[in-house]
Each structure stands twice: as C-alpha cells, then as structure tokens.
C-alpha cells in the first residue's frame, strides 16, 4: 500500500486546531477508523528531528502493521490500530526528575519507563534533543521488545543531548 503524506507548513503543523484537541480528548477520530492522539507542539528544531524520524519508522513493529492515528501528522505514528503509538516532540516528563524512576535500554537507546494504571507502559527517550514517547497497549505490560524496532531510527535521526 502506498501512503502519501501531506505536509503542512511548519507554522500550521505546530498549531493544531481546537477541534482536533476536542476529538483527541473524546477519543474519536474524524473518519472513525483510526484512534486519535494529541499531536505534540515541539520547538522547530525538535520538529525537524521528528520529521526525519517519521521517514525512518518501520512498516511493522512486533508483527503489527503500521496504521497511523488521526489527525495525520509527522509527529505521530501507530501500529496495530493503537496497540503501539509513537509521538515525537513531547515535553520532558516530570518523572525524569525523580531519582527513583525506572529506565530501560533497548539496543542503545535509553527510555524512561512509566507504568500507567489500567493501561500499558509509556516510554520516553532520555538524553536526546527531542523526546520520543512510545505507549504500548496493556498486552505489552511486561514486554519491552517493541522498543527495539525504534532504536535504529531514533539513533539515526534524533541526536543525543550529551
């Protein structure tokens, strides 16, 4: 299947409309077929890294086909109709300041682990010039294997901050 991405001018890509936020908050998608997620609003530098990352993301992760959430954006991607969701350019999580926070290393990329109640884990890259967040469905509660699929693309496109 060939996908064509429509790129918005950077100023429009970074300023989603209030209607999109309402859709994201309601958990609805405009076409009813894909889950919706809030699109991050990163700095222009971080958005550039995220656009490069978007081009490098795999077609499948953990055996799940790519099925990007709505609204369409170079800052978000998904696999398995919401089982795995990536958002690039998210704010730095407050949990990174907690010395008791847990982290995992997946093929050379370090990720902050946040266990969410009644949901799967959320991982956010550390030591990068743009924060990349990956949320996994509850079926991945004790499995970080999907993170390996993002190691090479993240390493290649989002520089370290140290």
Protein backbone atom coordinates (compact mmCIF):
# COMPACT_ATOMS: atom_id res chain seq x y z
CA UNK A 1 0.00 0.00 0.00
CA UNK A 2 1.39 3.39 -0.92
CA UNK A 3 0.90 6.18 1.60
CA UNK A 4 1.12 9.80 0.68
CA UNK A 5 1.78 12.27 3.45
CA UNK A 6 0.52 15.78 3.11
CA UNK A 7 2.93 18.17 4.76
CA UNK A 8 1.60 21.35 6.29
CA UNK A 9 3.67 24.48 6.57
CA UNK A 10 5.59 24.26 9.84
CA UNK A 11 3.51 27.01 11.47
CA UNK A 12 0.26 25.10 10.77
CA UNK A 13 1.79 21.73 11.68
CA UNK A 14 2.71 23.04 15.10
CA UNK A 15 -0.65 24.64 15.87
CA UNK A 16 -3.43 22.01 15.77
CA UNK A 17 -6.92 23.44 15.88
CA UNK A 18 -9.10 23.30 18.94
CA UNK A 19 -11.38 20.87 17.10
CA UNK A 20 -8.56 18.33 16.88
CA UNK A 21 -7.94 18.63 20.61
CA UNK A 22 -11.62 18.02 21.26
CA UNK A 23 -11.51 14.92 19.03
CA UNK A 24 -8.39 13.67 20.78
CA UNK A 25 -9.87 14.25 24.21
CA UNK A 26 -13.07 12.48 23.23
CA UNK A 27 -11.14 9.52 21.83
CA UNK A 28 -12.89 9.87 18.47
CA UNK A 29 -11.38 10.07 15.06
CA UNK A 30 -12.82 12.10 12.20
CA UNK A 31 -13.16 9.06 9.94
CA UNK A 32 -13.96 6.57 12.70
CA UNK A 33 -11.28 4.11 11.60
CA UNK A 34 -8.13 5.11 13.50
CA UNK A 35 -7.59 6.06 17.13
CA UNK A 36 -6.80 9.70 17.72
CA UNK A 37 -3.91 11.10 19.72
CA UNK A 38 -2.86 14.57 20.74
CA UNK A 39 -0.22 15.94 18.39
CA UNK A 40 2.76 17.42 20.27
CA UNK A 41 3.89 21.02 19.68
CA UNK A 42 7.72 20.86 19.78
CA UNK A 43 10.25 23.56 19.02
CA UNK A 44 11.17 23.96 15.36
CA UNK A 45 14.50 22.15 15.95
CA UNK A 46 12.76 19.20 17.61
CA UNK A 47 10.09 19.15 14.87
CA UNK A 48 12.87 18.79 12.29
CA UNK A 49 14.27 15.75 14.11
CA UNK A 50 10.76 14.31 14.39
CA UNK A 51 10.10 14.74 10.67
CA UNK A 52 13.33 12.87 9.90
CA UNK A 53 12.36 10.14 12.40
CA UNK A 54 8.93 9.79 10.79
CA UNK A 55 10.57 8.93 7.47
CA UNK A 56 12.67 6.17 9.11
CA UNK A 57 9.97 4.41 11.12
CA UNK A 58 9.33 0.75 10.31
CA UNK A 59 6.28 -0.59 8.46
CA UNK A 60 5.75 -3.25 11.13
CA UNK A 61 6.51 -3.41 14.85
CA UNK A 62 6.08 -6.60 16.88
CA UNK A 63 4.26 -8.12 13.91
CA UNK A 64 1.74 -5.24 13.76
CA UNK A 65 1.18 -3.26 10.57
CA UNK A 66 1.55 0.48 10.56
CA UNK A 67 -1.77 2.28 11.00
CA UNK A 68 -1.15 5.91 11.93
CA UNK A 69 -3.58 7.63 14.30
CA UNK A 70 -5.56 10.71 13.45
CA UNK A 71 -5.04 13.54 12.95
CA UNK A 72 -2.38 12.80 10.33
CA UNK A 73 0.96 14.25 11.41
CA UNK A 74 4.70 13.74 11.01
CA UNK A 75 4.84 13.89 14.82
CA UNK A 76 2.77 10.74 15.42
CA UNK A 77 2.71 7.13 14.21
CA UNK A 78 0.95 3.95 15.18
CA UNK A 79 0.91 0.20 14.70
CA UNK A 80 -1.91 -2.27 15.22
CA UNK A 81 -4.76 0.27 15.41
CA UNK A 82 -3.45 1.89 18.57
CA UNK A 83 -1.66 -1.04 20.23
CA UNK A 84 1.62 0.88 19.78
CA UNK A 85 1.66 4.68 19.41
CA UNK A 86 4.68 6.92 18.93
CA UNK A 87 4.64 10.69 19.49
CA UNK A 88 7.74 12.74 18.79
CA UNK A 89 8.45 16.15 20.27
CA UNK A 90 6.60 15.61 23.54
CA UNK A 91 7.51 17.72 26.58
CA UNK A 92 10.11 16.40 29.00
CA UNK A 93 8.28 14.18 31.51
CA UNK A 94 8.38 15.42 35.11
CA UNK A 95 9.24 11.85 36.17
CA UNK A 96 12.70 12.35 34.70
CA UNK A 97 13.48 14.46 37.76
CA UNK A 98 12.64 11.56 40.11
CA UNK A 99 15.79 9.67 41.10
CA UNK A 100 13.62 6.60 41.75
CA UNK A 101 12.34 6.48 38.15
CA UNK A 102 13.00 3.35 36.17
CA UNK A 103 14.61 3.24 32.77
CA UNK A 104 15.34 0.56 30.20
CA UNK A 105 17.90 0.33 27.45
CA UNK A 106 16.72 -1.02 24.10
CA UNK A 107 19.58 -1.53 21.67
CA UNK A 108 21.50 1.55 22.80
CA UNK A 109 18.54 3.92 23.28
CA UNK A 110 17.63 4.77 26.87
CA UNK A 111 13.91 5.08 27.75
CA UNK A 112 12.17 6.31 30.90
CA UNK A 113 9.52 3.78 31.95
CA UNK A 114 6.18 4.95 33.30
CA UNK A 115 3.67 2.27 34.33
CA UNK A 116 0.14 3.61 33.87
CA UNK A 117 -2.86 2.27 35.78
CA UNK A 118 -5.30 0.32 33.61
CA UNK A 119 -3.10 0.85 30.55
CA UNK A 120 0.13 -0.43 29.10
CA UNK A 121 3.51 1.19 29.76
CA UNK A 122 4.69 4.53 28.38
CA UNK A 123 8.34 5.02 27.44
CA UNK A 124 10.10 8.32 26.70
CA UNK A 125 13.61 8.65 25.33
CA UNK A 126 16.22 10.26 27.54
CA UNK A 127 19.40 12.11 26.58
CA UNK A 128 18.01 13.19 23.17
CA UNK A 129 17.44 16.61 21.59
CA UNK A 130 13.76 15.70 21.07
CA UNK A 131 11.73 13.49 23.38
CA UNK A 132 10.14 10.48 21.69
CA UNK A 133 7.27 8.81 23.53
CA UNK A 134 6.02 5.28 22.84
CA UNK A 135 2.89 3.95 24.50
CA UNK A 136 2.18 0.26 24.43
CA UNK A 137 -1.16 -1.44 24.92
CA UNK A 138 -1.85 -3.49 28.07
CA UNK A 139 -0.82 -6.67 26.25
CA UNK A 140 2.76 -5.32 26.43
CA UNK A 141 2.69 -4.69 30.20
CA UNK A 142 5.82 -6.80 30.74
CA UNK A 143 7.37 -6.72 27.28
CA UNK A 144 9.74 -4.01 26.05
CA UNK A 145 10.58 -5.89 22.86
CA UNK A 146 8.71 -3.40 20.61
CA UNK A 147 11.17 -0.66 21.66
CA UNK A 148 13.94 -2.41 19.72
CA UNK A 149 12.17 -1.51 16.47
CA UNK A 150 12.71 2.19 17.27
CA UNK A 151 16.38 2.04 18.31
CA UNK A 152 17.97 2.46 14.88
CA UNK A 153 15.52 5.14 13.61
CA UNK A 154 15.86 7.17 16.84
CA UNK A 155 19.66 6.83 16.91
CA UNK A 156 19.89 7.85 13.26
CA UNK A 157 17.59 10.90 13.37
CA UNK A 158 17.37 12.32 16.92
CA UNK A 159 20.81 13.37 18.19
CA UNK A 160 21.87 12.80 21.76
CA UNK A 161 21.92 15.79 24.06
CA UNK A 162 25.18 14.93 25.79
